Amino acid sequence: MDKYLVEVYIPVLNRSYDVYIPATTRLSEVEALLASAVTELSDGYFTVRPDTVLCDKSSGMLLDINKSALELGLQNGSRLMLI
C-alpha cells in the first residue's frame, strides 16, 4: 500500500503533526482516524465535532472526503489543516 507523509496543522492547538496517510483510502476514513488520534494526543483539547473538516493549509480549500489522497493529487509533503 502506498502512503504519503503529510503535515497536518491543528489551529486550535497551534501544532502540526507529520502523519502517513494511505494513498487509496477515502479521505472520510482518513479524517476520522486523524481526528480521533489528535483528540487523544491533545488530552481532549481538540474534540471531534460533526463539522470537523480537512482542508488544504495554503489555500484553505476543503478537500472532497469522498476521494482518495491519490485522486486529490496529494503527495509527500502536502500540508493539510484539520479544523
PDB file of N, CA and C in Angstrom:
ATOM      1  N   MET A   1       0.846  -1.184   0.000  1.00  0.00           N
ATOM      2  CA  MET A   1       0.000   0.000   0.000  1.00  0.00           C
ATOM      3  C   MET A   1       0.886   1.240   0.000  1.00  0.00           C
ATOM      4  N   ASP A   2       0.617   2.150  -0.916  1.00  0.00           N
ATOM      5  CA  ASP A   2       1.362   3.403  -0.956  1.00  0.00           C
ATOM      6  C   ASP A   2       0.831   4.350   0.106  1.00  0.00           C
ATOM      7  N   LYS A   3       1.751   5.082   0.708  1.00  0.00           N
ATOM      8  CA  LYS A   3       1.385   6.066   1.731  1.00  0.00           C
ATOM      9  C   LYS A   3       2.111   7.366   1.429  1.00  0.00           C
ATOM     10  N   TYR A   4       1.498   8.460   1.871  1.00  0.00           N
ATOM     11  CA  TYR A   4       2.105   9.776   1.731  1.00  0.00           C
ATOM     12  C   TYR A   4       2.381  10.336   3.118  1.00  0.00           C
ATOM     13  N   LEU A   5       3.529  10.973   3.271  1.00  0.00           N
ATOM     14  CA  LEU A   5       3.858  11.660   4.510  1.00  0.00           C
ATOM     15  C   LEU A   5       3.393  13.103   4.357  1.00  0.00           C
ATOM     16  N   VAL A   6       2.394  13.494   5.150  1.00  0.00           N
ATOM     17  CA  VAL A   6       1.833  14.844   5.069  1.00  0.00           C
ATOM     18  C   VAL A   6       1.919  15.524   6.428  1.00  0.00           C
ATOM     19  N   GLU A   7       1.850  16.830   6.401  1.00  0.00           N
ATOM     20  CA  GLU A   7       1.812  17.613   7.633  1.00  0.00           C
ATOM     21  C   GLU A   7       0.361  18.023   7.875  1.00  0.00           C
ATOM     22  N   VAL A   8      -0.127  17.763   9.081  1.00  0.00           N
ATOM     23  CA  VAL A   8      -1.491  18.149   9.437  1.00  0.00           C
ATOM     24  C   VAL A   8      -1.402  19.194  10.551  1.00  0.00           C
ATOM     25  N   TYR A   9      -1.867  20.404  10.252  1.00  0.00           N
ATOM     26  CA  TYR A   9      -1.858  21.508  11.213  1.00  0.00           C
ATOM     27  C   TYR A   9      -3.209  21.571  11.910  1.00  0.00           C
ATOM     28  N   ILE A  10      -3.179  21.736  13.237  1.00  0.00           N
ATOM     29  CA  ILE A  10      -4.396  21.853  14.043  1.00  0.00           C
ATOM     30  C   ILE A  10      -4.414  23.262  14.637  1.00  0.00           C
ATOM     31  N   PRO A  11      -5.187  24.188  14.065  1.00  0.00           N
ATOM     32  CA  PRO A  11      -5.170  25.585  14.521  1.00  0.00           C
ATOM     33  C   PRO A  11      -5.516  25.773  16.002  1.00  0.00           C
ATOM     34  N   VAL A  12      -6.474  25.020  16.499  1.00  0.00           N
ATOM     35  CA  VAL A  12      -6.887  25.203  17.884  1.00  0.00           C
ATOM     36  C   VAL A  12      -5.758  24.844  18.856  1.00  0.00           C
ATOM     37  N   LEU A  13      -4.847  23.990  18.429  1.00  0.00           N
ATOM     38  CA  LEU A  13      -3.707  23.598  19.263  1.00  0.00           C
ATOM     39  C   LEU A  13      -2.434  24.356  18.888  1.00  0.00           C
ATOM     40  N   ASN A  14      -2.449  25.006  17.738  1.00  0.00           N
ATOM     41  CA  ASN A  14      -1.272  25.664  17.177  1.00  0.00           C
ATOM     42  C   ASN A  14      -0.115  24.673  17.068  1.00  0.00           C
ATOM     43  N   ARG A  15      -0.439  23.454  16.601  1.00  0.00           N
ATOM     44  CA  ARG A  15       0.550  22.384  16.458  1.00  0.00           C
ATOM     45  C   ARG A  15       0.371  21.690  15.119  1.00  0.00           C
ATOM     46  N   SER A  16       1.461  21.125  14.648  1.00  0.00           N
ATOM     47  CA  SER A  16       1.438  20.330  13.424  1.00  0.00           C
ATOM     48  C   SER A  16       1.936  18.924  13.740  1.00  0.00           C
ATOM     49  N   TYR A  17       1.409  17.966  13.010  1.00  0.00           N
ATOM     50  CA  TYR A  17       1.828  16.573  13.153  1.00  0.00           C
ATOM     51  C   TYR A  17       2.160  16.039  11.774  1.00  0.00           C
ATOM     52  N   ASP A  18       3.244  15.297  11.687  1.00  0.00           N
ATOM     53  CA  ASP A  18       3.591  14.609  10.450  1.00  0.00           C
ATOM     54  C   ASP A  18       2.991  13.213  10.521  1.00  0.00           C
ATOM     55  N   VAL A  19       2.177  12.873   9.547  1.00  0.00           N
ATOM     56  CA  VAL A  19       1.496  11.575   9.547  1.00  0.00           C
ATOM     57  C   VAL A  19       1.551  10.950   8.159  1.00  0.00           C
ATOM     58  N   TYR A  20       1.517   9.639   8.156  1.00  0.00           N
ATOM     59  CA  TYR A  20       1.397   8.904   6.903  1.00  0.00           C
ATOM     60  C   TYR A  20      -0.076   8.639   6.648  1.00  0.00           C
ATOM     61  N   ILE A  21      -0.533   8.934   5.449  1.00  0.00           N
ATOM     62  CA  ILE A  21      -1.910   8.611   5.082  1.00  0.00           C
ATOM     63  C   ILE A  21      -1.869   7.701   3.858  1.00  0.00           C
ATOM     64  N   PRO A  22      -2.788   6.743   3.798  1.00  0.00           N
ATOM     65  CA  PRO A  22      -2.809   5.846   2.637  1.00  0.00           C
ATOM     66  C   PRO A  22      -3.260   6.593   1.384  1.00  0.00           C
ATOM     67  N   ALA A  23      -2.650   6.242   0.269  1.00  0.00           N
ATOM     68  CA  ALA A  23      -2.919   6.935  -0.990  1.00  0.00           C
ATOM     69  C   ALA A  23      -4.295   6.622  -1.551  1.00  0.00           C
ATOM     70  N   THR A  24      -4.808   5.416  -1.308  1.00  0.00           N
ATOM     71  CA  THR A  24      -6.035   4.998  -1.984  1.00  0.00           C
ATOM     72  C   THR A  24      -7.259   4.898  -1.071  1.00  0.00           C
ATOM     73  N   THR A  25      -7.126   5.254   0.191  1.00  0.00           N
ATOM     74  CA  THR A  25      -8.264   5.228   1.109  1.00  0.00           C
ATOM     75  C   THR A  25      -9.004   6.552   1.026  1.00  0.00           C
ATOM     76  N   ARG A  26     -10.336   6.498   1.075  1.00  0.00           N
ATOM     77  CA  ARG A  26     -11.130   7.734   1.047  1.00  0.00           C
ATOM     78  C   ARG A  26     -10.747   8.643   2.211  1.00  0.00           C
ATOM     79  N   LEU A  27     -10.763   9.942   1.952  1.00  0.00           N
ATOM     80  CA  LEU A  27     -10.402  10.896   2.996  1.00  0.00           C
ATOM     81  C   LEU A  27     -11.407  10.935   4.136  1.00  0.00           C
ATOM     82  N   SER A  28     -12.621  10.459   3.923  1.00  0.00           N
ATOM     83  CA  SER A  28     -13.578  10.403   5.034  1.00  0.00           C
ATOM     84  C   SER A  28     -13.055   9.482   6.128  1.00  0.00           C
ATOM     85  N   GLU A  29     -12.449   8.371   5.752  1.00  0.00           N
ATOM     86  CA  GLU A  29     -11.868   7.450   6.728  1.00  0.00           C
ATOM     87  C   GLU A  29     -10.601   8.035   7.345  1.00  0.00           C
ATOM     88  N   VAL A  30      -9.789   8.651   6.520  1.00  0.00           N
ATOM     89  CA  VAL A  30      -8.547   9.263   6.999  1.00  0.00           C
ATOM     90  C   VAL A  30      -8.859  10.386   7.978  1.00  0.00           C
ATOM     91  N   GLU A  31      -9.836  11.216   7.645  1.00  0.00           N
ATOM     92  CA  GLU A  31     -10.231  12.333   8.512  1.00  0.00           C
ATOM     93  C   GLU A  31     -10.695  11.827   9.875  1.00  0.00           C
ATOM     94  N   ALA A  32     -11.496  10.782   9.885  1.00  0.00           N
ATOM     95  CA  ALA A  32     -11.988  10.224  11.148  1.00  0.00           C
ATOM     96  C   ALA A  32     -10.832   9.702  12.002  1.00  0.00           C
ATOM     97  N   LEU A  33      -9.894   9.001  11.380  1.00  0.00           N
ATOM     98  CA  LEU A  33      -8.741   8.479  12.119  1.00  0.00           C
ATOM     99  C   LEU A  33      -7.854   9.605  12.642  1.00  0.00           C
ATOM    100  N   LEU A  34      -7.615  10.610  11.812  1.00  0.00           N
ATOM    101  CA  LEU A  34      -6.804  11.753  12.241  1.00  0.00           C
ATOM    102  C   LEU A  34      -7.456  12.487  13.408  1.00  0.00           C
ATOM    103  N   ALA A  35      -8.749  12.722  13.301  1.00  0.00           N
ATOM    104  CA  ALA A  35      -9.461  13.457  14.344  1.00  0.00           C
ATOM    105  C   ALA A  35      -9.412  12.714  15.675  1.00  0.00           C
ATOM    106  N   SER A  36      -9.607  11.409  15.650  1.00  0.00           N
ATOM    107  CA  SER A  36      -9.570  10.656  16.912  1.00  0.00           C
ATOM    108  C   SER A  36      -8.151  10.600  17.466  1.00  0.00           C
ATOM    109  N   ALA A  37      -7.142  10.485  16.608  1.00  0.00           N
ATOM    110  CA  ALA A  37      -5.753  10.467  17.069  1.00  0.00           C
ATOM    111  C   ALA A  37      -5.366  11.809  17.695  1.00  0.00           C
ATOM    112  N   VAL A  38      -5.763  12.908  17.054  1.00  0.00           N
ATOM    113  CA  VAL A  38      -5.433  14.233  17.578  1.00  0.00           C
ATOM    114  C   VAL A  38      -6.163  14.485  18.890  1.00  0.00           C
ATOM    115  N   THR A  39      -7.384  14.012  19.013  1.00  0.00           N
ATOM    116  CA  THR A  39      -8.109  14.144  20.273  1.00  0.00           C
ATOM    117  C   THR A  39      -7.347  13.461  21.399  1.00  0.00           C
ATOM    118  N   GLU A  40      -6.857  12.285  21.114  1.00  0.00           N
ATOM    119  CA  GLU A  40      -6.108  11.536  22.120  1.00  0.00           C
ATOM    120  C   GLU A  40      -4.763  12.202  22.419  1.00  0.00           C
ATOM    121  N   LEU A  41      -4.055  12.636  21.397  1.00  0.00           N
ATOM    122  CA  LEU A  41      -2.748  13.272  21.598  1.00  0.00           C
ATOM    123  C   LEU A  41      -2.845  14.602  22.332  1.00  0.00           C
ATOM    124  N   SER A  42      -3.961  15.295  22.184  1.00  0.00           N
ATOM    125  CA  SER A  42      -4.118  16.618  22.790  1.00  0.00           C
ATOM    126  C   SER A  42      -4.766  16.565  24.170  1.00  0.00           C
ATOM    127  N   ASP A  43      -4.950  15.382  24.696  1.00  0.00           N
ATOM    128  CA  ASP A  43      -5.613  15.207  26.003  1.00  0.00           C
ATOM    129  C   ASP A  43      -6.985  15.873  26.029  1.00  0.00           C
ATOM    130  N   GLY A  44      -7.685  15.825  24.906  1.00  0.00           N
ATOM    131  CA  GLY A  44      -9.049  16.327  24.840  1.00  0.00           C
ATOM    132  C   GLY A  44      -9.195  17.790  24.478  1.00  0.00           C
ATOM    133  N   TYR A  45      -8.093  18.514  24.245  1.00  0.00           N
ATOM    134  CA  TYR A  45      -8.220  19.921  23.850  1.00  0.00           C
ATOM    135  C   TYR A  45      -8.850  20.056  22.473  1.00  0.00           C
ATOM    136  N   PHE A  46      -8.577  19.102  21.607  1.00  0.00           N
ATOM    137  CA  PHE A  46      -9.245  19.049  20.308  1.00  0.00           C
ATOM    138  C   PHE A  46     -10.309  17.976  20.411  1.00  0.00           C
ATOM    139  N   THR A  47     -11.541  18.318  20.074  1.00  0.00           N
ATOM    140  CA  THR A  47     -12.613  17.331  20.105  1.00  0.00           C
ATOM    141  C   THR A  47     -13.266  17.239  18.734  1.00  0.00           C
ATOM    142  N   VAL A  48     -13.642  16.039  18.383  1.00  0.00           N
ATOM    143  CA  VAL A  48     -14.296  15.802  17.101  1.00  0.00           C
ATOM    144  C   VAL A  48     -15.721  16.341  17.172  1.00  0.00           C
ATOM    145  N   ARG A  49     -16.099  17.091  16.160  1.00  0.00           N
ATOM    146  CA  ARG A  49     -17.458  17.619  16.054  1.00  0.00           C
ATOM    147  C   ARG A  49     -18.011  17.234  14.694  1.00  0.00           C
ATOM    148  N   PRO A  50     -19.314  17.312  14.527  1.00  0.00           N
ATOM    149  CA  PRO A  50     -19.891  16.975  13.218  1.00  0.00           C
ATOM    150  C   PRO A  50     -19.384  17.868  12.087  1.00  0.00           C
ATOM    151  N   ASP A  51     -18.928  19.073  12.420  1.00  0.00           N
ATOM    152  CA  ASP A  51     -18.459  19.990  11.379  1.00  0.00           C
ATOM    153  C   ASP A  51     -16.931  20.007  11.232  1.00  0.00           C
ATOM    154  N   THR A  52     -16.244  19.004  11.793  1.00  0.00           N
ATOM    155  CA  THR A  52     -14.797  18.889  11.625  1.00  0.00           C
ATOM    156  C   THR A  52     -14.481  18.607  10.157  1.00  0.00           C
ATOM    157  N   VAL A  53     -13.531  19.362   9.598  1.00  0.00           N
ATOM    158  CA  VAL A  53     -13.194  19.213   8.183  1.00  0.00           C
ATOM    159  C   VAL A  53     -11.683  19.172   7.985  1.00  0.00           C
ATOM    160  N   LEU A  54     -11.299  18.616   6.863  1.00  0.00           N
ATOM    161  CA  LEU A  54      -9.902  18.558   6.454  1.00  0.00           C
ATOM    162  C   LEU A  54      -9.752  19.436   5.218  1.00  0.00           C
ATOM    163  N   CYS A  55      -8.777  20.338   5.239  1.00  0.00           N
ATOM    164  CA  CYS A  55      -8.609  21.236   4.098  1.00  0.00           C
ATOM    165  C   CYS A  55      -7.133  21.431   3.783  1.00  0.00           C
ATOM    166  N   ASP A  56      -6.874  22.024   2.632  1.00  0.00           N
ATOM    167  CA  ASP A  56      -5.524  22.358   2.215  1.00  0.00           C
ATOM    168  C   ASP A  56      -5.066  23.561   3.033  1.00  0.00           C
ATOM    169  N   LYS A  57      -3.893  23.472   3.624  1.00  0.00           N
ATOM    170  CA  LYS A  57      -3.442  24.543   4.518  1.00  0.00           C
ATOM    171  C   LYS A  57      -3.161  25.848   3.778  1.00  0.00           C
ATOM    172  N   SER A  58      -2.546  25.784   2.618  1.00  0.00           N
ATOM    173  CA  SER A  58      -2.162  27.022   1.940  1.00  0.00           C
ATOM    174  C   SER A  58      -3.343  27.753   1.312  1.00  0.00           C
ATOM    175  N   SER A  59      -4.288  27.010   0.741  1.00  0.00           N
ATOM    176  CA  SER A  59      -5.415  27.662   0.071  1.00  0.00           C
ATOM    177  C   SER A  59      -6.663  27.750   0.943  1.00  0.00           C
ATOM    178  N   GLY A  60      -6.762  26.887   1.956  1.00  0.00           N
ATOM    179  CA  GLY A  60      -7.961  26.838   2.793  1.00  0.00           C
ATOM    180  C   GLY A  60      -9.103  26.092   2.133  1.00  0.00           C
ATOM    181  N   MET A  61      -8.862  25.524   0.956  1.00  0.00           N
ATOM    182  CA  MET A  61      -9.903  24.812   0.221  1.00  0.00           C
ATOM    183  C   MET A  61     -10.235  23.483   0.910  1.00  0.00           C
ATOM    184  N   LEU A  62     -11.538  23.243   1.091  1.00  0.00           N
ATOM    185  CA  LEU A  62     -11.976  21.979   1.678  1.00  0.00           C
ATOM    186  C   LEU A  62     -11.660  20.836   0.730  1.00  0.00           C
ATOM    187  N   LEU A  63     -11.225  19.719   1.285  1.00  0.00           N
ATOM    188  CA  LEU A  63     -10.919  18.547   0.478  1.00  0.00           C
ATOM    189  C   LEU A  63     -12.158  17.672   0.365  1.00  0.00           C
ATOM    190  N   ASP A  64     -12.374  17.108  -0.781  1.00  0.00           N
ATOM    191  CA  ASP A  64     -13.509  16.221  -1.025  1.00  0.00           C
ATOM    192  C   ASP A  64     -13.244  14.900  -0.316  1.00  0.00           C
ATOM    193  N   ILE A  65     -13.973  14.630   0.763  1.00  0.00           N
ATOM    194  CA  ILE A  65     -13.710  13.437   1.565  1.00  0.00           C
ATOM    195  C   ILE A  65     -14.197  12.159   0.893  1.00  0.00           C
ATOM    196  N   ASN A  66     -14.844  12.279  -0.243  1.00  0.00           N
ATOM    197  CA  ASN A  66     -15.280  11.096  -0.985  1.00  0.00           C
ATOM    198  C   ASN A  66     -14.218  10.612  -1.966  1.00  0.00           C
ATOM    199  N   LYS A  67     -13.089  11.314  -2.010  1.00  0.00           N
ATOM    200  CA  LYS A  67     -11.993  10.941  -2.894  1.00  0.00           C
ATOM    201  C   LYS A  67     -10.789  10.517  -2.058  1.00  0.00           C
ATOM    202  N   SER A  68      -9.866   9.828  -2.705  1.00  0.00           N
ATOM    203  CA  SER A  68      -8.639   9.411  -2.034  1.00  0.00           C
ATOM    204  C   SER A  68      -7.583  10.507  -2.164  1.00  0.00           C
ATOM    205  N   ALA A  69      -6.521  10.366  -1.400  1.00  0.00           N
ATOM    206  CA  ALA A  69      -5.408  11.310  -1.491  1.00  0.00           C
ATOM    207  C   ALA A  69      -4.822  11.307  -2.895  1.00  0.00           C
ATOM    208  N   LEU A  70      -4.740  10.130  -3.488  1.00  0.00           N
ATOM    209  CA  LEU A  70      -4.227   9.995  -4.847  1.00  0.00           C
ATOM    210  C   LEU A  70      -5.098  10.759  -5.843  1.00  0.00           C
ATOM    211  N   GLU A  71      -6.415  10.608  -5.733  1.00  0.00           N
ATOM    212  CA  GLU A  71      -7.347  11.293  -6.635  1.00  0.00           C
ATOM    213  C   GLU A  71      -7.298  12.807  -6.466  1.00  0.00           C
ATOM    214  N   LEU A  72      -6.992  13.271  -5.249  1.00  0.00           N
ATOM    215  CA  LEU A  72      -6.934  14.705  -4.984  1.00  0.00           C
ATOM    216  C   LEU A  72      -5.578  15.316  -5.340  1.00  0.00           C
ATOM    217  N   GLY A  73      -4.631  14.486  -5.707  1.00  0.00           N
ATOM    218  CA  GLY A  73      -3.314  14.985  -6.082  1.00  0.00           C
ATOM    219  C   GLY A  73      -2.412  15.275  -4.899  1.00  0.00           C
ATOM    220  N   LEU A  74      -2.749  14.739  -3.726  1.00  0.00           N
ATOM    221  CA  LEU A  74      -1.868  14.915  -2.574  1.00  0.00           C
ATOM    222  C   LEU A  74      -0.605  14.110  -2.804  1.00  0.00           C
ATOM    223  N   GLN A  75       0.462  14.508  -2.140  1.00  0.00           N
ATOM    224  CA  GLN A  75       1.742  13.822  -2.295  1.00  0.00           C
ATOM    225  C   GLN A  75       2.554  14.009  -1.023  1.00  0.00           C
ATOM    226  N   ASN A  76       3.734  13.410  -0.977  1.00  0.00           N
ATOM    227  CA  ASN A  76       4.610  13.606   0.165  1.00  0.00           C
ATOM    228  C   ASN A  76       4.868  15.103   0.344  1.00  0.00           C
ATOM    229  N   GLY A  77       4.741  15.574   1.569  1.00  0.00           N
ATOM    230  CA  GLY A  77       4.987  16.981   1.857  1.00  0.00           C
ATOM    231  C   GLY A  77       3.760  17.861   1.769  1.00  0.00           C
ATOM    232  N   SER A  78       2.615  17.306   1.383  1.00  0.00           N
ATOM    233  CA  SER A  78       1.391  18.112   1.336  1.00  0.00           C
ATOM    234  C   SER A  78       1.089  18.618   2.743  1.00  0.00           C
ATOM    235  N   ARG A  79       0.538  19.827   2.812  1.00  0.00           N
ATOM    236  CA  ARG A  79       0.229  20.443   4.103  1.00  0.00           C
ATOM    237  C   ARG A  79      -1.284  20.596   4.213  1.00  0.00           C
ATOM    238  N   LEU A  80      -1.842  19.942   5.226  1.00  0.00           N
ATOM    239  CA  LEU A  80      -3.281  19.945   5.448  1.00  0.00           C
ATOM    240  C   LEU A  80      -3.593  20.621   6.768  1.00  0.00           C
ATOM    241  N   MET A  81      -4.878  20.907   6.960  1.00  0.00           N
ATOM    242  CA  MET A  81      -5.328  21.532   8.192  1.00  0.00           C
ATOM    243  C   MET A  81      -6.613  20.842   8.625  1.00  0.00           C
ATOM    244  N   LEU A  82      -6.692  20.478   9.896  1.00  0.00           N
ATOM    245  CA  LEU A  82      -7.871  19.836  10.468  1.00  0.00           C
ATOM    246  C   LEU A  82      -8.543  20.826  11.391  1.00  0.00           C
ATOM    247  N   ILE A  83      -9.753  21.262  10.998  1.00  0.00           N
ATOM    248  CA  ILE A  83     -10.472  22.268  11.797  1.00  0.00           C
ATOM    249  C   ILE A  83     -11.889  21.804  12.095  1.00  0.00           C
TER     250      ILE A  83
END
